[in-house]
């Protein structure tokens, strides 16, 4: 739901909540960002699933409102929200399942 206002704000909001500050500090160093995520329990699987879901989740609110206006009804906006979101969830579940099977084999 963090991405509903604008999809590009998801990771900064996550980082701000981990850092418990009202704003981001100097985050030019990508290693520092990685350390914050790892310290808060992120694994490679978490990062992969976040990337997958970020690519496949619902469009931002502005896009949904535009779809509603152009299509003349709420039905297409709801479909535009649900279809990619369900695809993202299912693909993340499949990715996690494959990851777990591979971990058992290795």
C-alpha atoms as a PDB file:
ATOM      1  CA  UNK A   1       0.000   0.000   0.000  1.00  0.00           C
ATOM      2  CA  UNK A   2       3.035   2.291   0.384  1.00  0.00           C
ATOM      3  CA  UNK A   3       3.253   2.609  -3.378  1.00  0.00           C
ATOM      4  CA  UNK A   4      -0.297   3.826  -3.968  1.00  0.00           C
ATOM      5  CA  UNK A   5       0.568   7.556  -3.892  1.00  0.00           C
ATOM      6  CA  UNK A   6       3.646   7.019  -6.070  1.00  0.00           C
ATOM      7  CA  UNK A   7       5.529   3.785  -6.747  1.00  0.00           C
ATOM      8  CA  UNK A   8       8.973   5.354  -6.409  1.00  0.00           C
ATOM      9  CA  UNK A   9       8.509   6.200  -2.714  1.00  0.00           C
ATOM     10  CA  UNK A  10       8.301   2.625  -1.419  1.00  0.00           C
ATOM     11  CA  UNK A  11      11.980   1.988  -0.661  1.00  0.00           C
ATOM     12  CA  UNK A  12      12.591   5.443   0.866  1.00  0.00           C
ATOM     13  CA  UNK A  13       9.582   4.943   3.177  1.00  0.00           C
ATOM     14  CA  UNK A  14      10.875   1.510   4.206  1.00  0.00           C
ATOM     15  CA  UNK A  15      14.326   2.960   4.913  1.00  0.00           C
ATOM     16  CA  UNK A  16      12.876   5.876   6.911  1.00  0.00           C
ATOM     17  CA  UNK A  17      10.835   3.490   9.034  1.00  0.00           C
ATOM     18  CA  UNK A  18      13.893   1.325   9.708  1.00  0.00           C
ATOM     19  CA  UNK A  19      15.949   4.369  10.619  1.00  0.00           C
ATOM     20  CA  UNK A  20      13.083   5.799  12.725  1.00  0.00           C
ATOM     21  CA  UNK A  21      13.644   9.313  11.406  1.00  0.00           C
ATOM     22  CA  UNK A  22      11.344  11.692   9.625  1.00  0.00           C
ATOM     23  CA  UNK A  23      13.685  11.994   6.666  1.00  0.00           C
ATOM     24  CA  UNK A  24      16.523  10.218   4.954  1.00  0.00           C
ATOM     25  CA  UNK A  25      20.047  11.134   5.841  1.00  0.00           C
ATOM     26  CA  UNK A  26      22.867  11.171   3.275  1.00  0.00           C
ATOM     27  CA  UNK A  27      22.268   7.901   1.436  1.00  0.00           C
ATOM     28  CA  UNK A  28      24.703   8.290  -1.441  1.00  0.00           C
ATOM     29  CA  UNK A  29      26.521   5.169  -0.326  1.00  0.00           C
ATOM     30  CA  UNK A  30      24.665   2.086  -1.593  1.00  0.00           C
ATOM     31  CA  UNK A  31      26.570  -0.073   0.908  1.00  0.00           C
ATOM     32  CA  UNK A  32      24.969   1.878   3.753  1.00  0.00           C
ATOM     33  CA  UNK A  33      21.514   1.181   2.342  1.00  0.00           C
ATOM     34  CA  UNK A  34      22.344  -2.534   2.100  1.00  0.00           C
ATOM     35  CA  UNK A  35      23.575  -2.584   5.697  1.00  0.00           C
ATOM     36  CA  UNK A  36      20.337  -0.981   6.933  1.00  0.00           C
ATOM     37  CA  UNK A  37      18.277  -3.597   5.094  1.00  0.00           C
ATOM     38  CA  UNK A  38      20.401  -6.528   6.316  1.00  0.00           C
ATOM     39  CA  UNK A  39      20.264  -5.235   9.902  1.00  0.00           C
ATOM     40  CA  UNK A  40      16.481  -5.321   9.636  1.00  0.00           C
ATOM     41  CA  UNK A  41      16.298  -8.935   8.508  1.00  0.00           C
ATOM     42  CA  UNK A  42      16.441  -8.652   4.733  1.00  0.00           C
ATOM     43  CA  UNK A  43      17.892 -11.607   2.866  1.00  0.00           C
ATOM     44  CA  UNK A  44      18.627 -12.127  -0.804  1.00  0.00           C
ATOM     45  CA  UNK A  45      15.179 -13.732  -1.118  1.00  0.00           C
ATOM     46  CA  UNK A  46      13.552 -10.677   0.478  1.00  0.00           C
ATOM     47  CA  UNK A  47      15.302  -8.368  -1.979  1.00  0.00           C
ATOM     48  CA  UNK A  48      14.338 -10.543  -4.966  1.00  0.00           C
ATOM     49  CA  UNK A  49      10.700 -10.668  -3.878  1.00  0.00           C
ATOM     50  CA  UNK A  50      10.587  -6.910  -3.263  1.00  0.00           C
ATOM     51  CA  UNK A  51      11.973  -6.319  -6.766  1.00  0.00           C
ATOM     52  CA  UNK A  52       9.464  -8.734  -8.313  1.00  0.00           C
ATOM     53  CA  UNK A  53       6.518  -7.260  -6.448  1.00  0.00           C
ATOM     54  CA  UNK A  54       7.632  -3.698  -7.181  1.00  0.00           C
ATOM     55  CA  UNK A  55       7.623  -4.508 -10.880  1.00  0.00           C
ATOM     56  CA  UNK A  56       4.257  -6.261 -10.811  1.00  0.00           C
ATOM     57  CA  UNK A  57       2.102  -4.512  -8.226  1.00  0.00           C
ATOM     58  CA  UNK A  58      -0.762  -2.095  -8.771  1.00  0.00           C
ATOM     59  CA  UNK A  59      -0.287   1.220 -10.564  1.00  0.00           C
ATOM     60  CA  UNK A  60      -0.174   4.482  -8.604  1.00  0.00           C
ATOM     61  CA  UNK A  61      -3.344   6.341  -7.618  1.00  0.00           C
ATOM     62  CA  UNK A  62      -3.038   8.854 -10.455  1.00  0.00           C
ATOM     63  CA  UNK A  63      -2.959   6.064 -13.026  1.00  0.00           C
ATOM     64  CA  UNK A  64      -5.942   4.340 -11.401  1.00  0.00           C
ATOM     65  CA  UNK A  65      -7.923   7.596 -11.443  1.00  0.00           C
ATOM     66  CA  UNK A  66      -7.014   8.134 -15.094  1.00  0.00           C
ATOM     67  CA  UNK A  67      -8.174   4.618 -15.977  1.00  0.00           C
ATOM     68  CA  UNK A  68     -11.449   5.268 -14.151  1.00  0.00           C
ATOM     69  CA  UNK A  69     -11.982   8.542 -16.005  1.00  0.00           C
ATOM     70  CA  UNK A  70     -11.027   7.188 -19.442  1.00  0.00           C
ATOM     71  CA  UNK A  71     -12.953   3.922 -19.077  1.00  0.00           C
ATOM     72  CA  UNK A  72     -15.985   5.651 -17.596  1.00  0.00           C
ATOM     73  CA  UNK A  73     -16.290   3.394 -14.587  1.00  0.00           C
ATOM     74  CA  UNK A  74     -14.676   1.804 -11.592  1.00  0.00           C
ATOM     75  CA  UNK A  75     -14.600  -1.746 -13.015  1.00  0.00           C
ATOM     76  CA  UNK A  76     -11.431  -1.257 -15.102  1.00  0.00           C
ATOM     77  CA  UNK A  77      -9.632   0.560 -12.298  1.00  0.00           C
ATOM     78  CA  UNK A  78     -10.339  -2.320  -9.930  1.00  0.00           C
ATOM     79  CA  UNK A  79      -9.126  -4.795 -12.555  1.00  0.00           C
ATOM     80  CA  UNK A  80      -5.991  -2.671 -13.159  1.00  0.00           C
ATOM     81  CA  UNK A  81      -5.343  -2.804  -9.405  1.00  0.00           C
ATOM     82  CA  UNK A  82      -6.090  -6.488  -8.827  1.00  0.00           C
ATOM     83  CA  UNK A  83      -4.575  -8.163 -11.898  1.00  0.00           C
ATOM     84  CA  UNK A  84      -0.945  -7.048 -11.484  1.00  0.00           C
ATOM     85  CA  UNK A  85      -1.156  -7.294  -7.690  1.00  0.00           C
ATOM     86  CA  UNK A  86      -2.356 -10.892  -7.798  1.00  0.00           C
ATOM     87  CA  UNK A  87       0.289 -11.708 -10.422  1.00  0.00           C
ATOM     88  CA  UNK A  88       2.980 -10.158  -8.202  1.00  0.00           C
ATOM     89  CA  UNK A  89       1.818 -12.079  -5.132  1.00  0.00           C
ATOM     90  CA  UNK A  90       1.645 -15.378  -7.013  1.00  0.00           C
ATOM     91  CA  UNK A  91       5.072 -14.889  -8.598  1.00  0.00           C
ATOM     92  CA  UNK A  92       6.598 -14.004  -5.204  1.00  0.00           C
ATOM     93  CA  UNK A  93       5.044 -17.150  -3.723  1.00  0.00           C
ATOM     94  CA  UNK A  94       6.423 -19.250  -6.577  1.00  0.00           C
ATOM     95  CA  UNK A  95       9.848 -17.637  -6.214  1.00  0.00           C
ATOM     96  CA  UNK A  96       9.867 -18.388  -2.490  1.00  0.00           C
ATOM     97  CA  UNK A  97       8.780 -21.971  -3.140  1.00  0.00           C
ATOM     98  CA  UNK A  98      11.523 -22.539  -5.705  1.00  0.00           C
ATOM     99  CA  UNK A  99      14.046 -20.854  -3.375  1.00  0.00           C
ATOM    100  CA  UNK A 100      13.058 -23.179  -0.511  1.00  0.00           C
ATOM    101  CA  UNK A 101      13.277 -26.282  -2.704  1.00  0.00           C
ATOM    102  CA  UNK A 102      16.701 -25.257  -3.966  1.00  0.00           C
ATOM    103  CA  UNK A 103      17.833 -24.627  -0.353  1.00  0.00           C
ATOM    104  CA  UNK A 104      16.707 -28.151   0.589  1.00  0.00           C
ATOM    105  CA  UNK A 105      18.653 -29.656  -2.313  1.00  0.00           C
ATOM    106  CA  UNK A 106      21.826 -27.702  -1.614  1.00  0.00           C
END
